[in-house]
Amino acid sequence: MSRLVDRGARTAGWVGLGMAATIWVSFLLVIPIEAVYWYSTLPAGLLIGYYANARSERAGGPWLRLASNAVYAGLVTGVTFAVLFLLTKALFFNLDEGYRDASMGGPLACQKGADCAYQRYAASEQGPAMAAAGITDTATFSAFYWNQQLTVSGMQLGFSVGGALFAGLMFGAVNRRRPEGSVPAA
């Protein structure tokens, strides 16, 4: 047991890292359903916050230790979610070569990376809304795009840590054990 978190919470942090990586592979790489990845952060945080205290064999207290165990595991899980999300976005943003299916008009004439990403969005149904918002070149598009990605990754981190803290405190509230050898009240 350390001064800040129990050994079980450190183990839960590793479990959370693995859980986030598994969800990342499943819903951003294999079956790219980005919304499922986003929405997974809260349930993952809830699970890992509860697990951190269960793994640490905490029983109703002390409250600060319950909270720190949960926040630690939620933080490791949330940071993993956010970093993997940003890594995936950076990979696809910087390696975009402008390929499009023939039914969509064929390949875009653009420079690999940010220019192709901008051209792809500008040619989509989002193009007029982007132009109306003042996003008319690669530089303004890149700033807008990365601001959006950082906002989403921050929300992932917040939902993971918030869910973990809530679940860790709920663990303390519902998992009160009587000290060994005590007689139950009549």
N, C-alpha and C. Protein backbone atom coordinates (compact mmCIF):
# COMPACT_ATOMS: atom_id res chain seq x y z
N MET A 1 0.85 -1.17 0.00
CA MET A 1 0.00 0.00 0.00
C MET A 1 0.89 1.24 0.00
N SER A 2 0.64 2.15 -0.92
CA SER A 2 1.41 3.39 -0.96
C SER A 2 0.66 4.48 -0.20
N ARG A 3 1.24 5.65 -0.18
CA ARG A 3 0.61 6.75 0.54
C ARG A 3 -0.64 7.27 -0.18
N LEU A 4 -0.68 7.14 -1.50
CA LEU A 4 -1.80 7.71 -2.25
C LEU A 4 -2.83 6.69 -2.71
N VAL A 5 -2.38 5.57 -3.24
CA VAL A 5 -3.31 4.56 -3.75
C VAL A 5 -2.86 3.18 -3.31
N ASP A 6 -3.83 2.29 -3.21
CA ASP A 6 -3.55 0.90 -2.84
C ASP A 6 -2.97 0.14 -4.03
N ARG A 7 -2.35 -0.98 -3.72
CA ARG A 7 -1.79 -1.83 -4.77
C ARG A 7 -2.87 -2.31 -5.73
N GLY A 8 -4.03 -2.61 -5.21
CA GLY A 8 -5.14 -3.05 -6.05
C GLY A 8 -5.57 -1.97 -7.04
N ALA A 9 -5.46 -0.71 -6.65
CA ALA A 9 -5.81 0.39 -7.56
C ALA A 9 -4.78 0.51 -8.68
N ARG A 10 -3.52 0.25 -8.36
CA ARG A 10 -2.50 0.27 -9.41
C ARG A 10 -2.77 -0.86 -10.41
N THR A 11 -3.15 -2.01 -9.91
CA THR A 11 -3.53 -3.11 -10.80
C THR A 11 -4.74 -2.73 -11.63
N ALA A 12 -5.70 -2.08 -11.01
CA ALA A 12 -6.90 -1.63 -11.74
C ALA A 12 -6.52 -0.63 -12.83
N GLY A 13 -5.52 0.19 -12.59
CA GLY A 13 -5.04 1.12 -13.61
C GLY A 13 -4.56 0.38 -14.84
N TRP A 14 -3.81 -0.70 -14.63
CA TRP A 14 -3.35 -1.52 -15.76
C TRP A 14 -4.53 -2.18 -16.47
N VAL A 15 -5.50 -2.63 -15.68
CA VAL A 15 -6.70 -3.23 -16.29
C VAL A 15 -7.43 -2.17 -17.12
N GLY A 16 -7.54 -0.95 -16.61
CA GLY A 16 -8.18 0.13 -17.34
C GLY A 16 -7.44 0.47 -18.62
N LEU A 17 -6.12 0.45 -18.58
CA LEU A 17 -5.32 0.69 -19.77
C LEU A 17 -5.63 -0.37 -20.82
N GLY A 18 -5.68 -1.62 -20.39
CA GLY A 18 -6.00 -2.71 -21.31
C GLY A 18 -7.41 -2.63 -21.85
N MET A 19 -8.34 -2.23 -20.98
CA MET A 19 -9.72 -2.09 -21.42
C MET A 19 -9.84 -0.99 -22.47
N ALA A 20 -9.20 0.16 -22.24
CA ALA A 20 -9.25 1.26 -23.21
C ALA A 20 -8.59 0.85 -24.52
N ALA A 21 -7.49 0.12 -24.45
CA ALA A 21 -6.80 -0.32 -25.67
C ALA A 21 -7.67 -1.32 -26.45
N THR A 22 -8.36 -2.19 -25.76
CA THR A 22 -9.24 -3.16 -26.42
C THR A 22 -10.41 -2.45 -27.09
N ILE A 23 -11.00 -1.48 -26.41
CA ILE A 23 -12.10 -0.72 -27.00
C ILE A 23 -11.59 0.08 -28.20
N TRP A 24 -10.37 0.62 -28.09
CA TRP A 24 -9.77 1.38 -29.19
C TRP A 24 -9.61 0.50 -30.43
N VAL A 25 -9.03 -0.67 -30.25
CA VAL A 25 -8.83 -1.57 -31.38
C VAL A 25 -10.19 -1.96 -31.97
N SER A 26 -11.14 -2.25 -31.10
CA SER A 26 -12.45 -2.72 -31.57
C SER A 26 -13.23 -1.66 -32.31
N PHE A 27 -13.26 -0.41 -31.80
CA PHE A 27 -14.18 0.59 -32.33
C PHE A 27 -13.54 1.78 -33.03
N LEU A 28 -12.23 1.80 -33.13
CA LEU A 28 -11.61 2.83 -33.96
C LEU A 28 -10.76 2.23 -35.08
N LEU A 29 -10.30 1.00 -34.90
CA LEU A 29 -9.45 0.40 -35.92
C LEU A 29 -10.15 -0.71 -36.70
N VAL A 30 -10.78 -1.65 -36.02
CA VAL A 30 -11.39 -2.78 -36.70
C VAL A 30 -12.76 -2.41 -37.28
N ILE A 31 -13.66 -1.96 -36.44
CA ILE A 31 -14.98 -1.51 -36.87
C ILE A 31 -15.05 -0.04 -36.49
N PRO A 32 -14.72 0.87 -37.39
CA PRO A 32 -14.62 2.29 -37.01
C PRO A 32 -15.97 2.94 -36.74
N ILE A 33 -16.41 2.83 -35.50
CA ILE A 33 -17.63 3.49 -35.04
C ILE A 33 -17.20 4.42 -33.91
N GLU A 34 -16.84 5.63 -34.29
CA GLU A 34 -16.25 6.56 -33.34
C GLU A 34 -17.17 6.87 -32.16
N ALA A 35 -18.46 6.98 -32.39
CA ALA A 35 -19.39 7.31 -31.31
C ALA A 35 -19.38 6.24 -30.21
N VAL A 36 -19.26 4.99 -30.58
CA VAL A 36 -19.21 3.92 -29.58
C VAL A 36 -17.96 4.10 -28.71
N TYR A 37 -16.86 4.49 -29.33
CA TYR A 37 -15.63 4.74 -28.58
C TYR A 37 -15.84 5.88 -27.59
N TRP A 38 -16.46 6.97 -28.04
CA TRP A 38 -16.70 8.10 -27.14
C TRP A 38 -17.58 7.69 -25.97
N TYR A 39 -18.69 7.01 -26.30
CA TYR A 39 -19.66 6.66 -25.26
C TYR A 39 -19.16 5.57 -24.33
N SER A 40 -18.11 4.89 -24.67
CA SER A 40 -17.56 3.84 -23.81
C SER A 40 -16.79 4.39 -22.63
N THR A 41 -16.40 5.65 -22.68
CA THR A 41 -15.55 6.19 -21.62
C THR A 41 -16.25 6.25 -20.27
N LEU A 42 -17.52 6.62 -20.24
CA LEU A 42 -18.24 6.68 -18.97
C LEU A 42 -18.43 5.30 -18.35
N PRO A 43 -18.97 4.32 -19.08
CA PRO A 43 -19.10 2.98 -18.47
C PRO A 43 -17.74 2.39 -18.07
N ALA A 44 -16.72 2.65 -18.87
CA ALA A 44 -15.38 2.15 -18.52
C ALA A 44 -14.91 2.79 -17.22
N GLY A 45 -15.14 4.09 -17.07
CA GLY A 45 -14.77 4.77 -15.83
C GLY A 45 -15.54 4.22 -14.63
N LEU A 46 -16.83 3.99 -14.82
CA LEU A 46 -17.64 3.42 -13.73
C LEU A 46 -17.11 2.05 -13.31
N LEU A 47 -16.85 1.21 -14.29
CA LEU A 47 -16.34 -0.13 -13.99
C LEU A 47 -15.00 -0.09 -13.28
N ILE A 48 -14.09 0.75 -13.78
CA ILE A 48 -12.74 0.73 -13.24
C ILE A 48 -12.68 1.39 -11.87
N GLY A 49 -13.52 2.39 -11.62
CA GLY A 49 -13.56 3.02 -10.30
C GLY A 49 -14.04 2.06 -9.22
N TYR A 50 -15.06 1.29 -9.55
CA TYR A 50 -15.56 0.29 -8.62
C TYR A 50 -14.52 -0.81 -8.42
N TYR A 51 -13.95 -1.26 -9.54
CA TYR A 51 -12.97 -2.35 -9.49
C TYR A 51 -11.73 -1.97 -8.70
N ALA A 52 -11.31 -0.72 -8.77
CA ALA A 52 -10.11 -0.29 -8.06
C ALA A 52 -10.25 -0.52 -6.56
N ASN A 53 -11.41 -0.24 -6.02
CA ASN A 53 -11.62 -0.43 -4.59
C ASN A 53 -11.95 -1.88 -4.24
N ALA A 54 -12.61 -2.58 -5.13
CA ALA A 54 -12.88 -4.00 -4.90
C ALA A 54 -11.56 -4.76 -4.91
N ARG A 55 -10.70 -4.45 -5.86
CA ARG A 55 -9.40 -5.10 -5.97
C ARG A 55 -8.52 -4.79 -4.76
N SER A 56 -8.71 -3.59 -4.21
CA SER A 56 -7.94 -3.17 -3.03
C SER A 56 -8.55 -3.68 -1.73
N GLU A 57 -9.68 -4.35 -1.84
CA GLU A 57 -10.40 -4.90 -0.69
C GLU A 57 -10.75 -3.82 0.33
N ARG A 58 -11.17 -2.68 -0.18
CA ARG A 58 -11.63 -1.58 0.67
C ARG A 58 -13.05 -1.89 1.11
N ALA A 59 -13.37 -1.53 2.32
CA ALA A 59 -14.71 -1.76 2.84
C ALA A 59 -15.20 -0.50 3.53
N GLY A 60 -15.76 0.39 2.77
CA GLY A 60 -16.41 1.55 3.35
C GLY A 60 -15.49 2.62 3.89
N GLY A 61 -14.25 2.61 3.56
CA GLY A 61 -13.44 3.72 4.03
C GLY A 61 -11.98 3.40 4.12
N PRO A 62 -11.20 4.37 4.42
CA PRO A 62 -11.55 5.77 4.56
C PRO A 62 -11.92 6.38 3.20
N TRP A 63 -12.78 7.38 3.23
CA TRP A 63 -13.33 7.95 2.02
C TRP A 63 -12.27 8.54 1.10
N LEU A 64 -11.27 9.17 1.66
CA LEU A 64 -10.22 9.75 0.83
C LEU A 64 -9.47 8.66 0.06
N ARG A 65 -9.22 7.53 0.70
CA ARG A 65 -8.54 6.42 0.03
C ARG A 65 -9.44 5.82 -1.05
N LEU A 66 -10.74 5.69 -0.77
CA LEU A 66 -11.67 5.19 -1.78
C LEU A 66 -11.65 6.10 -3.01
N ALA A 67 -11.68 7.40 -2.77
CA ALA A 67 -11.68 8.36 -3.87
C ALA A 67 -10.36 8.34 -4.62
N SER A 68 -9.24 8.30 -3.91
CA SER A 68 -7.95 8.33 -4.60
C SER A 68 -7.72 7.05 -5.41
N ASN A 69 -8.14 5.90 -4.89
CA ASN A 69 -8.04 4.66 -5.66
C ASN A 69 -8.84 4.77 -6.97
N ALA A 70 -10.06 5.24 -6.86
CA ALA A 70 -10.94 5.34 -8.03
C ALA A 70 -10.40 6.36 -9.02
N VAL A 71 -9.98 7.52 -8.54
CA VAL A 71 -9.49 8.57 -9.44
C VAL A 71 -8.22 8.11 -10.14
N TYR A 72 -7.33 7.43 -9.44
CA TYR A 72 -6.10 6.94 -10.07
C TYR A 72 -6.43 6.00 -11.23
N ALA A 73 -7.27 5.01 -10.96
CA ALA A 73 -7.62 4.04 -12.00
C ALA A 73 -8.38 4.72 -13.14
N GLY A 74 -9.27 5.65 -12.81
CA GLY A 74 -10.00 6.38 -13.84
C GLY A 74 -9.10 7.28 -14.67
N LEU A 75 -8.09 7.85 -14.02
CA LEU A 75 -7.15 8.72 -14.73
C LEU A 75 -6.30 7.92 -15.72
N VAL A 76 -5.80 6.78 -15.28
CA VAL A 76 -5.02 5.93 -16.19
C VAL A 76 -5.89 5.50 -17.37
N THR A 77 -7.11 5.10 -17.09
CA THR A 77 -8.03 4.67 -18.14
C THR A 77 -8.37 5.82 -19.08
N GLY A 78 -8.70 6.97 -18.52
CA GLY A 78 -9.07 8.13 -19.32
C GLY A 78 -7.94 8.66 -20.17
N VAL A 79 -6.74 8.72 -19.60
CA VAL A 79 -5.59 9.18 -20.38
C VAL A 79 -5.33 8.22 -21.53
N THR A 80 -5.48 6.94 -21.29
CA THR A 80 -5.30 5.95 -22.36
C THR A 80 -6.33 6.16 -23.46
N PHE A 81 -7.61 6.34 -23.08
CA PHE A 81 -8.64 6.62 -24.07
C PHE A 81 -8.28 7.84 -24.90
N ALA A 82 -7.90 8.93 -24.23
CA ALA A 82 -7.62 10.20 -24.92
C ALA A 82 -6.39 10.10 -25.82
N VAL A 83 -5.33 9.49 -25.33
CA VAL A 83 -4.09 9.39 -26.12
C VAL A 83 -4.31 8.52 -27.35
N LEU A 84 -4.98 7.40 -27.18
CA LEU A 84 -5.23 6.52 -28.33
C LEU A 84 -6.15 7.18 -29.35
N PHE A 85 -7.12 7.93 -28.88
CA PHE A 85 -8.02 8.67 -29.77
C PHE A 85 -7.23 9.69 -30.59
N LEU A 86 -6.40 10.48 -29.91
CA LEU A 86 -5.61 11.50 -30.60
C LEU A 86 -4.58 10.88 -31.55
N LEU A 87 -4.01 9.76 -31.15
CA LEU A 87 -3.07 9.05 -32.01
C LEU A 87 -3.74 8.61 -33.30
N THR A 88 -4.94 8.06 -33.18
CA THR A 88 -5.68 7.62 -34.36
C THR A 88 -6.03 8.80 -35.25
N LYS A 89 -6.49 9.89 -34.64
CA LYS A 89 -6.83 11.08 -35.42
C LYS A 89 -5.60 11.63 -36.13
N ALA A 90 -4.47 11.68 -35.45
CA ALA A 90 -3.23 12.19 -36.06
C ALA A 90 -2.80 11.30 -37.22
N LEU A 91 -2.92 10.01 -37.03
CA LEU A 91 -2.54 9.07 -38.08
C LEU A 91 -3.36 9.30 -39.35
N PHE A 92 -4.68 9.33 -39.21
CA PHE A 92 -5.53 9.48 -40.38
C PHE A 92 -5.48 10.89 -40.96
N PHE A 93 -5.30 11.89 -40.13
CA PHE A 93 -5.21 13.27 -40.60
C PHE A 93 -3.93 13.49 -41.42
N ASN A 94 -2.82 13.01 -40.91
CA ASN A 94 -1.53 13.25 -41.56
C ASN A 94 -1.24 12.33 -42.75
N LEU A 95 -1.92 11.22 -42.83
CA LEU A 95 -1.68 10.28 -43.92
C LEU A 95 -2.77 10.30 -44.99
N ASP A 96 -3.70 11.23 -44.89
CA ASP A 96 -4.79 11.31 -45.87
C ASP A 96 -4.21 11.65 -47.24
N GLU A 97 -4.48 10.80 -48.22
CA GLU A 97 -3.96 11.01 -49.58
C GLU A 97 -5.04 11.45 -50.56
N GLY A 98 -6.27 11.68 -50.07
CA GLY A 98 -7.32 12.16 -50.93
C GLY A 98 -8.07 11.10 -51.70
N TYR A 99 -7.89 9.84 -51.36
CA TYR A 99 -8.60 8.78 -52.06
C TYR A 99 -10.09 8.87 -51.76
N ARG A 100 -10.90 8.80 -52.79
CA ARG A 100 -12.35 8.69 -52.66
C ARG A 100 -12.84 7.67 -53.67
N ASP A 101 -13.92 7.04 -53.34
CA ASP A 101 -14.56 6.08 -54.23
C ASP A 101 -15.02 6.80 -55.50
N ALA A 102 -15.05 6.09 -56.60
CA ALA A 102 -15.47 6.68 -57.88
C ALA A 102 -16.89 7.24 -57.80
N SER A 103 -17.75 6.60 -57.00
CA SER A 103 -19.13 7.08 -56.86
C SER A 103 -19.20 8.44 -56.17
N MET A 104 -18.13 8.83 -55.50
CA MET A 104 -18.09 10.13 -54.82
C MET A 104 -17.30 11.16 -55.62
N GLY A 105 -16.90 10.82 -56.82
CA GLY A 105 -16.19 11.76 -57.66
C GLY A 105 -14.73 11.43 -57.87
N GLY A 106 -14.27 10.32 -57.38
CA GLY A 106 -12.88 9.92 -57.57
C GLY A 106 -11.93 10.63 -56.62
N PRO A 107 -10.64 10.40 -56.79
CA PRO A 107 -9.64 10.96 -55.87
C PRO A 107 -9.63 12.49 -55.90
N LEU A 108 -9.29 13.06 -54.77
CA LEU A 108 -9.16 14.52 -54.66
C LEU A 108 -7.78 14.94 -55.14
N ALA A 109 -7.67 16.11 -55.73
CA ALA A 109 -6.39 16.67 -56.12
C ALA A 109 -5.89 17.52 -54.95
N CYS A 110 -4.98 16.94 -54.16
CA CYS A 110 -4.53 17.63 -52.95
C CYS A 110 -3.16 17.12 -52.53
N GLN A 111 -2.55 17.86 -51.60
CA GLN A 111 -1.30 17.42 -51.00
C GLN A 111 -1.62 16.50 -49.83
N LYS A 112 -0.84 15.45 -49.67
CA LYS A 112 -1.04 14.48 -48.61
C LYS A 112 -1.07 15.17 -47.25
N GLY A 113 -2.02 14.77 -46.40
CA GLY A 113 -2.10 15.28 -45.05
C GLY A 113 -3.23 16.27 -44.85
N ALA A 114 -2.93 17.40 -44.24
CA ALA A 114 -3.94 18.39 -43.86
C ALA A 114 -4.72 18.91 -45.06
N ASP A 115 -4.04 19.12 -46.18
CA ASP A 115 -4.74 19.64 -47.35
C ASP A 115 -5.79 18.65 -47.84
N CYS A 116 -5.45 17.38 -47.89
CA CYS A 116 -6.42 16.36 -48.32
C CYS A 116 -7.57 16.25 -47.33
N ALA A 117 -7.26 16.33 -46.05
CA ALA A 117 -8.32 16.27 -45.04
C ALA A 117 -9.27 17.46 -45.22
N TYR A 118 -8.71 18.65 -45.42
CA TYR A 118 -9.54 19.83 -45.65
C TYR A 118 -10.39 19.68 -46.91
N GLN A 119 -9.77 19.23 -48.00
CA GLN A 119 -10.51 19.07 -49.26
C GLN A 119 -11.64 18.05 -49.11
N ARG A 120 -11.40 17.00 -48.35
CA ARG A 120 -12.41 15.96 -48.13
C ARG A 120 -13.62 16.55 -47.39
N TYR A 121 -13.35 17.29 -46.32
CA TYR A 121 -14.45 17.91 -45.56
C TYR A 121 -15.16 18.98 -46.39
N ALA A 122 -14.39 19.79 -47.13
CA ALA A 122 -14.99 20.85 -47.93
C ALA A 122 -15.89 20.29 -49.03
N ALA A 123 -15.55 19.12 -49.56
CA ALA A 123 -16.34 18.50 -50.61
C ALA A 123 -17.55 17.73 -50.07
N SER A 124 -17.63 17.59 -48.76
CA SER A 124 -18.73 16.84 -48.16
C SER A 124 -19.91 17.78 -47.89
N GLU A 125 -20.96 17.22 -47.30
CA GLU A 125 -22.14 18.02 -46.95
C GLU A 125 -21.82 19.05 -45.86
N GLN A 126 -20.67 18.91 -45.20
CA GLN A 126 -20.26 19.86 -44.16
C GLN A 126 -19.56 21.09 -44.75
N GLY A 127 -19.24 21.04 -46.03
CA GLY A 127 -18.51 22.13 -46.68
C GLY A 127 -19.15 23.51 -46.54
N PRO A 128 -20.45 23.66 -46.87
CA PRO A 128 -21.07 24.98 -46.74
C PRO A 128 -21.08 25.51 -45.30
N ALA A 129 -21.31 24.65 -44.33
CA ALA A 129 -21.29 25.08 -42.93
C ALA A 129 -19.89 25.51 -42.51
N MET A 130 -18.87 24.80 -43.01
CA MET A 130 -17.50 25.19 -42.70
C MET A 130 -17.18 26.55 -43.30
N ALA A 131 -17.57 26.76 -44.54
CA ALA A 131 -17.32 28.05 -45.19
C ALA A 131 -18.03 29.18 -44.47
N ALA A 132 -19.26 28.92 -44.03
CA ALA A 132 -20.02 29.94 -43.29
C ALA A 132 -19.37 30.27 -41.95
N ALA A 133 -18.66 29.30 -41.38
CA ALA A 133 -17.97 29.51 -40.10
C ALA A 133 -16.58 30.11 -40.28
N GLY A 134 -16.20 30.39 -41.52
CA GLY A 134 -14.89 31.00 -41.77
C GLY A 134 -13.76 30.02 -41.96
N ILE A 135 -14.08 28.76 -42.13
CA ILE A 135 -13.05 27.73 -42.35
C ILE A 135 -12.90 27.58 -43.86
N THR A 136 -11.92 28.31 -44.42
CA THR A 136 -11.82 28.39 -45.87
C THR A 136 -10.46 27.96 -46.41
N ASP A 137 -9.56 27.52 -45.54
CA ASP A 137 -8.26 27.06 -46.02
C ASP A 137 -7.71 26.00 -45.07
N THR A 138 -6.58 25.44 -45.44
CA THR A 138 -6.00 24.35 -44.66
C THR A 138 -5.63 24.79 -43.24
N ALA A 139 -5.12 25.99 -43.09
CA ALA A 139 -4.69 26.46 -41.76
C ALA A 139 -5.88 26.61 -40.81
N THR A 140 -6.95 27.26 -41.28
CA THR A 140 -8.12 27.43 -40.39
C THR A 140 -8.79 26.09 -40.14
N PHE A 141 -8.79 25.22 -41.14
CA PHE A 141 -9.37 23.89 -40.95
C PHE A 141 -8.57 23.10 -39.93
N SER A 142 -7.24 23.12 -40.04
CA SER A 142 -6.40 22.37 -39.09
C SER A 142 -6.62 22.84 -37.66
N ALA A 143 -6.67 24.16 -37.47
CA ALA A 143 -6.90 24.70 -36.12
C ALA A 143 -8.26 24.25 -35.59
N PHE A 144 -9.29 24.35 -36.42
CA PHE A 144 -10.63 23.92 -36.02
C PHE A 144 -10.66 22.43 -35.72
N TYR A 145 -10.09 21.65 -36.60
CA TYR A 145 -10.10 20.18 -36.47
C TYR A 145 -9.43 19.76 -35.16
N TRP A 146 -8.23 20.26 -34.89
CA TRP A 146 -7.51 19.84 -33.70
C TRP A 146 -8.14 20.39 -32.43
N ASN A 147 -8.77 21.53 -32.50
CA ASN A 147 -9.51 22.04 -31.34
C ASN A 147 -10.66 21.09 -31.00
N GLN A 148 -11.35 20.62 -32.03
CA GLN A 148 -12.44 19.67 -31.82
C GLN A 148 -11.93 18.35 -31.24
N GLN A 149 -10.82 17.85 -31.75
CA GLN A 149 -10.28 16.57 -31.28
C GLN A 149 -9.79 16.68 -29.83
N LEU A 150 -9.16 17.79 -29.49
CA LEU A 150 -8.70 18.00 -28.11
C LEU A 150 -9.89 18.14 -27.16
N THR A 151 -10.96 18.78 -27.62
CA THR A 151 -12.16 18.89 -26.80
C THR A 151 -12.76 17.51 -26.52
N VAL A 152 -12.86 16.71 -27.56
CA VAL A 152 -13.41 15.35 -27.40
C VAL A 152 -12.53 14.51 -26.47
N SER A 153 -11.22 14.58 -26.64
CA SER A 153 -10.33 13.78 -25.79
C SER A 153 -10.39 14.27 -24.34
N GLY A 154 -10.55 15.57 -24.14
CA GLY A 154 -10.73 16.09 -22.78
C GLY A 154 -12.02 15.60 -22.15
N MET A 155 -13.07 15.52 -22.96
CA MET A 155 -14.33 14.98 -22.45
C MET A 155 -14.19 13.51 -22.11
N GLN A 156 -13.45 12.77 -22.92
CA GLN A 156 -13.23 11.35 -22.63
C GLN A 156 -12.53 11.20 -21.28
N LEU A 157 -11.51 12.01 -21.07
CA LEU A 157 -10.79 11.97 -19.80
C LEU A 157 -11.71 12.34 -18.65
N GLY A 158 -12.49 13.39 -18.81
CA GLY A 158 -13.41 13.83 -17.76
C GLY A 158 -14.47 12.79 -17.42
N PHE A 159 -15.06 12.19 -18.45
CA PHE A 159 -16.09 11.17 -18.20
C PHE A 159 -15.49 9.93 -17.54
N SER A 160 -14.31 9.57 -17.93
CA SER A 160 -13.67 8.40 -17.33
C SER A 160 -13.35 8.64 -15.86
N VAL A 161 -12.73 9.77 -15.56
CA VAL A 161 -12.37 10.08 -14.16
C VAL A 161 -13.63 10.34 -13.33
N GLY A 162 -14.57 11.09 -13.89
CA GLY A 162 -15.82 11.36 -13.16
C GLY A 162 -16.59 10.09 -12.86
N GLY A 163 -16.70 9.22 -13.85
CA GLY A 163 -17.39 7.94 -13.64
C GLY A 163 -16.67 7.08 -12.61
N ALA A 164 -15.35 7.08 -12.68
CA ALA A 164 -14.57 6.28 -11.72
C ALA A 164 -14.76 6.81 -10.30
N LEU A 165 -14.73 8.11 -10.13
CA LEU A 165 -14.90 8.69 -8.80
C LEU A 165 -16.29 8.37 -8.26
N PHE A 166 -17.31 8.53 -9.08
CA PHE A 166 -18.68 8.21 -8.66
C PHE A 166 -18.78 6.75 -8.23
N ALA A 167 -18.25 5.85 -9.06
CA ALA A 167 -18.34 4.41 -8.75
C ALA A 167 -17.51 4.05 -7.53
N GLY A 168 -16.36 4.69 -7.36
CA GLY A 168 -15.54 4.42 -6.19
C GLY A 168 -16.23 4.83 -4.90
N LEU A 169 -16.91 5.98 -4.93
CA LEU A 169 -17.65 6.41 -3.75
C LEU A 169 -18.89 5.56 -3.51
N MET A 170 -19.51 5.11 -4.61
CA MET A 170 -20.66 4.20 -4.46
C MET A 170 -20.20 2.87 -3.87
N PHE A 171 -19.01 2.44 -4.24
CA PHE A 171 -18.46 1.22 -3.64
C PHE A 171 -18.40 1.38 -2.13
N GLY A 172 -17.89 2.51 -1.68
CA GLY A 172 -17.80 2.76 -0.25
C GLY A 172 -19.14 2.82 0.44
N ALA A 173 -20.14 3.37 -0.26
CA ALA A 173 -21.47 3.51 0.34
C ALA A 173 -22.20 2.18 0.44
N VAL A 174 -22.04 1.31 -0.53
CA VAL A 174 -22.81 0.06 -0.55
C VAL A 174 -22.03 -1.14 -0.02
N ASN A 175 -20.77 -0.99 0.20
CA ASN A 175 -19.95 -2.14 0.60
C ASN A 175 -19.41 -1.96 2.01
N ARG A 176 -20.30 -1.79 2.94
CA ARG A 176 -19.91 -1.67 4.35
C ARG A 176 -19.83 -3.07 4.96
N ARG A 177 -18.68 -3.41 5.46
CA ARG A 177 -18.53 -4.71 6.11
C ARG A 177 -18.39 -4.49 7.61
N ARG A 178 -18.93 -5.43 8.36
CA ARG A 178 -18.75 -5.37 9.80
C ARG A 178 -17.35 -5.87 10.13
N PRO A 179 -16.73 -5.29 11.13
CA PRO A 179 -15.42 -5.80 11.54
C PRO A 179 -15.54 -7.27 11.96
N GLU A 180 -14.50 -8.04 11.69
CA GLU A 180 -14.52 -9.45 12.04
C GLU A 180 -14.70 -9.63 13.54
N GLY A 181 -15.53 -10.59 13.92
CA GLY A 181 -15.76 -10.89 15.31
C GLY A 181 -16.86 -10.06 15.94
N SER A 182 -17.43 -9.11 15.23
CA SER A 182 -18.50 -8.30 15.80
C SER A 182 -19.82 -9.05 15.70
N VAL A 183 -20.69 -8.76 16.60
CA VAL A 183 -21.99 -9.42 16.65
C VAL A 183 -23.01 -8.52 15.95
N PRO A 184 -23.78 -9.08 15.00
CA PRO A 184 -24.78 -8.25 14.33
C PRO A 184 -25.84 -7.74 15.29
N ALA A 185 -26.36 -6.55 15.01
CA ALA A 185 -27.42 -5.97 15.86
C ALA A 185 -28.68 -6.80 15.75
N ALA A 186 -29.38 -6.92 16.87
CA ALA A 186 -30.60 -7.73 16.90
C ALA A 186 -31.77 -7.01 16.31
